[in-house]
Protein backbone atom coordinates (compact mmCIF):
# COMPACT_ATOMS: atom_id res chain seq x y z
CA MET A 1 64.43 28.25 -25.88
CA GLY A 2 60.77 28.30 -26.91
CA GLN A 3 57.55 28.07 -25.00
CA ALA A 4 56.92 24.98 -22.90
CA LYS A 5 54.67 22.31 -24.36
CA ASN A 6 51.01 22.53 -23.29
CA PRO A 7 49.82 19.65 -21.09
CA ARG A 8 47.27 17.23 -22.52
CA ARG A 9 43.63 17.91 -21.63
CA VAL A 10 42.70 14.22 -21.76
CA GLY A 11 44.38 11.03 -20.59
CA ASP A 12 47.03 9.03 -22.41
CA ASP A 13 44.48 6.53 -23.71
CA GLN A 14 42.05 9.23 -24.91
CA ALA A 15 41.61 11.52 -27.89
CA MET A 16 39.37 14.55 -28.33
CA ALA A 17 37.77 16.63 -31.08
CA LYS A 18 35.51 19.69 -30.93
CA GLY A 19 32.94 21.02 -33.36
CA ARG A 20 32.19 24.68 -32.93
CA SER A 21 29.51 26.93 -34.45
CA ILE A 22 27.14 24.15 -35.43
CA ARG A 23 23.96 25.81 -36.72
CA THR A 24 21.38 24.14 -34.48
CA SER A 25 20.15 24.51 -30.94
CA PRO A 26 22.03 22.69 -28.18
CA GLN A 27 18.88 20.79 -27.25
CA LYS A 28 18.60 19.24 -30.73
CA LEU A 29 22.32 18.51 -30.87
CA ASN A 30 22.19 16.81 -27.49
CA LEU A 31 19.57 14.34 -28.78
CA VAL A 32 22.10 13.09 -31.35
CA ALA A 33 24.99 13.11 -28.84
CA GLN A 34 22.99 10.97 -26.41
CA GLY A 35 22.56 8.37 -29.12
CA ILE A 36 26.31 7.71 -29.51
CA ARG A 37 27.56 7.90 -25.92
CA GLY A 38 29.21 4.68 -24.77
CA MET A 39 29.18 3.06 -28.23
CA LYS A 40 32.07 1.56 -30.09
CA VAL A 41 33.28 3.92 -32.79
CA GLU A 42 32.23 1.75 -35.76
CA ARG A 43 28.71 1.38 -34.38
CA ALA A 44 28.45 5.10 -33.65
CA LEU A 45 29.42 5.95 -37.24
CA ASN A 46 26.69 3.59 -38.52
CA GLU A 47 24.13 5.17 -36.19
CA LEU A 48 25.00 8.62 -37.48
CA ASP A 49 24.91 7.47 -41.12
CA PHE A 50 21.35 6.25 -40.81
CA SER A 51 20.03 8.93 -38.44
CA ARG A 52 17.24 11.09 -39.82
CA LYS A 53 18.42 14.17 -37.94
CA ARG A 54 20.04 16.87 -40.08
CA VAL A 55 22.73 17.62 -37.50
CA ALA A 56 23.91 13.99 -37.48
CA GLN A 57 26.21 14.69 -40.44
CA GLU A 58 27.99 17.46 -38.48
CA VAL A 59 28.42 15.12 -35.50
CA LYS A 60 29.77 12.44 -37.83
CA LYS A 61 32.46 14.90 -39.08
CA VAL A 62 33.53 15.63 -35.50
CA LEU A 63 33.61 11.92 -34.65
CA GLN A 64 35.77 11.20 -37.70
CA SER A 65 38.10 14.01 -36.65
CA ALA A 66 38.40 12.50 -33.18
CA ILE A 67 39.21 9.10 -34.76
CA ALA A 68 41.90 10.72 -36.93
CA ASN A 69 43.36 12.46 -33.87
CA ALA A 70 43.45 9.17 -31.98
CA GLU A 71 45.21 7.38 -34.81
CA ASN A 72 47.67 10.03 -36.02
CA ASN A 73 48.45 12.09 -32.92
CA HIS A 74 48.15 9.57 -30.07
CA ASP A 75 48.86 6.19 -31.76
CA LEU A 76 45.68 4.53 -30.49
CA ASP A 77 44.12 1.44 -32.05
CA ILE A 78 40.99 2.40 -34.00
CA ASP A 79 39.27 -0.96 -33.49
CA SER A 80 39.28 -0.63 -29.70
CA LEU A 81 37.97 2.96 -29.45
CA VAL A 82 34.78 3.80 -27.57
CA VAL A 83 32.90 7.11 -27.36
CA ASP A 84 33.70 7.95 -23.74
CA GLN A 85 32.07 11.40 -23.61
CA ALA A 86 29.94 13.43 -25.98
CA PHE A 87 28.79 16.70 -24.48
CA VAL A 88 27.15 19.77 -25.90
CA GLY A 89 27.44 23.46 -25.08
CA LYS A 90 25.92 26.76 -26.15
CA ASN A 91 27.63 29.07 -28.60
CA LEU A 92 26.56 32.43 -29.97
CA THR A 93 22.97 33.34 -30.86
CA MET A 94 22.23 35.47 -33.91
CA LYS A 95 19.41 37.93 -33.33
CA ARG A 96 17.22 38.70 -36.32
CA TRP A 97 13.90 40.50 -36.59
CA HIS A 98 10.67 39.87 -38.37
CA ALA A 99 8.20 42.60 -39.34
CA ARG A 100 4.93 42.49 -37.42
CA ALA A 101 1.72 44.50 -37.50
CA ARG A 102 1.48 48.22 -36.64
CA GLY A 103 5.18 48.93 -37.09
CA ARG A 104 6.34 46.47 -34.49
CA MET A 105 8.89 43.72 -34.80
CA GLY A 106 9.24 40.16 -33.60
CA ARG A 107 12.59 38.80 -32.52
CA ILE A 108 13.99 35.65 -34.12
CA LYS A 109 16.83 33.86 -32.31
CA LYS A 110 19.09 31.63 -34.35
CA PRO A 111 21.20 29.61 -31.90
CA PHE A 112 24.53 27.92 -32.49
CA ALA A 113 25.96 25.01 -30.49
CA GLU A 114 29.23 23.19 -30.02
CA ILE A 115 30.01 19.53 -29.38
CA THR A 116 33.03 17.85 -27.79
CA ILE A 117 33.69 14.16 -28.39
CA VAL A 118 36.22 12.25 -26.27
CA LEU A 119 37.26 8.75 -27.37
CA ARG A 120 38.86 6.21 -25.06
CA GLU A 121 40.83 3.08 -25.93
CA VAL A 122 39.56 -0.01 -24.11
CA GLU A 123 41.41 -3.31 -23.79
CA GLU A 124 39.74 -6.33 -25.33
CA VAL A 125 38.72 -8.93 -22.73
CA ALA A 126 39.92 -12.36 -23.81
């Protein structure tokens, strides 16, 4: 007599993973996310491996988590996965201060972002 099972947030042929509290601005994170949208999973992993952006390693971890979710939780074929969606959102912003002249202070904002990656299984066209 427990609680009812939560409905899936994505379709039957999809898998999802989220990365929260990534220490970069959403604008910089979105540049990396744009680069992998619509790609096959293997190609997206290679792109992230050779990217010169620091945040690409964090995105790669989230992508690998989505692949593991697809394989283990939803029984999807890894070779036919495509990055269907990769979208970025804001998270918290740490406020710090920096001493300035004449007893004043300057505000420093240290933003955090989050990324959601949705993978979809596509059928191979013969």
